[in-house]
Protein backbone atom coordinates (compact mmCIF):
# COMPACT_ATOMS: atom_id res chain seq x y z
CA UNK A 1 0.00 0.00 0.00
CA UNK A 2 1.35 3.36 -1.00
CA UNK A 3 1.05 5.92 1.80
CA UNK A 4 0.92 9.47 0.61
CA UNK A 5 2.56 12.10 2.82
CA UNK A 6 -0.46 14.44 2.76
CA UNK A 7 -3.27 11.89 3.15
CA UNK A 8 -4.03 13.05 6.71
CA UNK A 9 -4.75 16.53 5.35
CA UNK A 10 -7.39 15.16 3.00
CA UNK A 11 -9.16 12.39 4.90
CA UNK A 12 -9.24 10.46 8.16
CA UNK A 13 -9.67 7.16 6.37
CA UNK A 14 -6.78 4.72 6.65
CA UNK A 15 -7.64 2.66 3.58
CA UNK A 16 -9.57 4.83 1.13
CA UNK A 17 -9.33 8.37 -0.02
CA UNK A 18 -11.63 11.04 -1.30
CA UNK A 19 -13.52 10.51 -4.51
CA UNK A 20 -14.77 13.00 -7.04
CA UNK A 21 -18.09 12.25 -8.67
CA UNK A 22 -18.94 13.98 -11.93
CA UNK A 23 -22.45 14.02 -13.31
CA UNK A 24 -23.25 14.10 -17.03
CA UNK A 25 -23.48 17.67 -18.29
CA UNK A 26 -27.29 17.62 -18.68
CA UNK A 27 -27.81 16.35 -15.13
CA UNK A 28 -25.37 18.90 -13.71
CA UNK A 29 -27.10 21.75 -15.54
CA UNK A 30 -30.49 20.68 -14.13
CA UNK A 31 -29.01 20.52 -10.63
CA UNK A 32 -27.41 23.95 -11.01
CA UNK A 33 -30.69 25.43 -12.24
CA UNK A 34 -32.62 23.89 -9.31
CA UNK A 35 -30.09 25.23 -6.81
CA UNK A 36 -30.29 28.67 -8.38
CA UNK A 37 -34.09 28.68 -8.02
CA UNK A 38 -33.81 27.87 -4.30
CA UNK A 39 -32.55 31.39 -3.65
CA UNK A 40 -35.82 32.88 -4.91
CA UNK A 41 -38.28 34.16 -2.28
CA UNK A 42 -41.27 32.63 -4.10
CA UNK A 43 -39.59 29.20 -4.01
CA UNK A 44 -38.90 29.60 -0.28
CA UNK A 45 -42.56 30.42 0.42
CA UNK A 46 -43.69 27.37 -1.56
CA UNK A 47 -41.17 25.16 0.23
CA UNK A 48 -42.27 26.57 3.61
CA UNK A 49 -45.80 25.36 2.90
CA UNK A 50 -44.48 21.92 2.00
CA UNK A 51 -42.32 21.82 5.13
CA UNK A 52 -45.37 22.63 7.25
CA UNK A 53 -47.39 19.85 5.67
CA UNK A 54 -44.56 17.35 6.12
CA UNK A 55 -44.20 18.45 9.74
CA UNK A 56 -47.89 17.75 10.31
CA UNK A 57 -47.59 14.31 8.72
CA UNK A 58 -44.53 13.55 10.87
CA UNK A 59 -46.39 14.61 14.00
CA UNK A 60 -49.37 12.44 13.07
CA UNK A 61 -47.13 9.43 12.51
CA UNK A 62 -45.05 9.99 15.65
CA UNK A 63 -47.95 10.73 18.01
CA UNK A 64 -50.79 8.57 16.73
CA UNK A 65 -49.12 5.96 14.53
CA UNK A 66 -51.49 6.86 11.72
CA UNK A 67 -49.68 4.80 9.08
CA UNK A 68 -51.09 1.60 10.56
CA UNK A 69 -54.84 1.22 10.90
CA UNK A 70 -55.88 -0.61 14.06
CA UNK A 71 -59.24 -1.57 12.64
CA UNK A 72 -60.59 -3.28 9.54
CA UNK A 73 -63.03 -1.56 7.26
CA UNK A 74 -63.32 1.88 5.77
CA UNK A 75 -65.73 3.35 8.34
CA UNK A 76 -63.69 2.31 11.38
CA UNK A 77 -60.44 3.42 9.77
CA UNK A 78 -61.99 6.77 8.88
CA UNK A 79 -63.19 7.19 12.46
CA UNK A 80 -59.67 6.39 13.72
CA UNK A 81 -58.25 9.09 11.43
CA UNK A 82 -60.81 11.61 12.67
CA UNK A 83 -59.90 10.82 16.30
CA UNK A 84 -56.21 11.16 15.43
CA UNK A 85 -56.82 14.57 13.86
CA UNK A 86 -58.79 15.71 16.91
CA UNK A 87 -55.99 14.49 19.20
CA UNK A 88 -53.38 16.41 17.19
CA UNK A 89 -55.49 19.56 17.29
CA UNK A 90 -55.88 19.24 21.07
CA UNK A 91 -52.13 18.76 21.48
CA UNK A 92 -51.48 21.84 19.36
CA UNK A 93 -54.07 23.92 21.22
CA UNK A 94 -52.57 22.91 24.55
CA UNK A 95 -49.09 23.86 23.36
CA UNK A 96 -50.34 27.20 22.03
CA UNK A 97 -52.31 28.07 25.17
CA UNK A 98 -49.39 27.19 27.45
CA UNK A 99 -46.74 28.81 25.27
CA UNK A 100 -44.76 25.60 24.65
CA UNK A 101 -43.31 25.20 21.16
CA UNK A 102 -44.06 21.91 19.45
CA UNK A 103 -40.89 21.73 17.43
CA UNK A 104 -37.77 20.21 18.85
CA UNK A 105 -35.14 22.19 17.03
CA UNK A 106 -31.64 20.82 16.77
CA UNK A 107 -29.01 22.47 18.93
CA UNK A 108 -25.53 22.56 17.41
CA UNK A 109 -22.50 21.23 19.25
CA UNK A 110 -21.12 24.75 19.57
CA UNK A 111 -24.37 26.06 21.08
CA UNK A 112 -24.48 23.13 23.52
CA UNK A 113 -20.91 23.88 24.54
CA UNK A 114 -21.84 27.51 25.10
CA UNK A 115 -24.82 26.48 27.23
CA UNK A 116 -22.74 24.10 29.32
CA UNK A 117 -20.04 26.73 29.87
CA UNK A 118 -22.64 29.30 30.91
CA UNK A 119 -24.11 26.97 33.54
């Protein structure tokens, strides 16, 4: 195995190194165009709506397990979904009335270090 003198400056891997992946020109142009559009305010507003919907779906799955129906039949399954929606609305109302945010935002390592040093 050939050991390069500057490998430790490029990667922590002992066996492999970095790889460069190149897309075909057409694919790369589509990716570049999509990334350019993401800077637009209209795109951000549209994505914010999607993020809110996905957050609601995640909450429904995490809290009520809505992906799996506990009952057989359309009417019972529909009733289960209605109860799940009511439960989510009650959870959200409780959080809003008591001033507790529902989201659990990620705290970076640096912010956690700052919090632990302040304590």
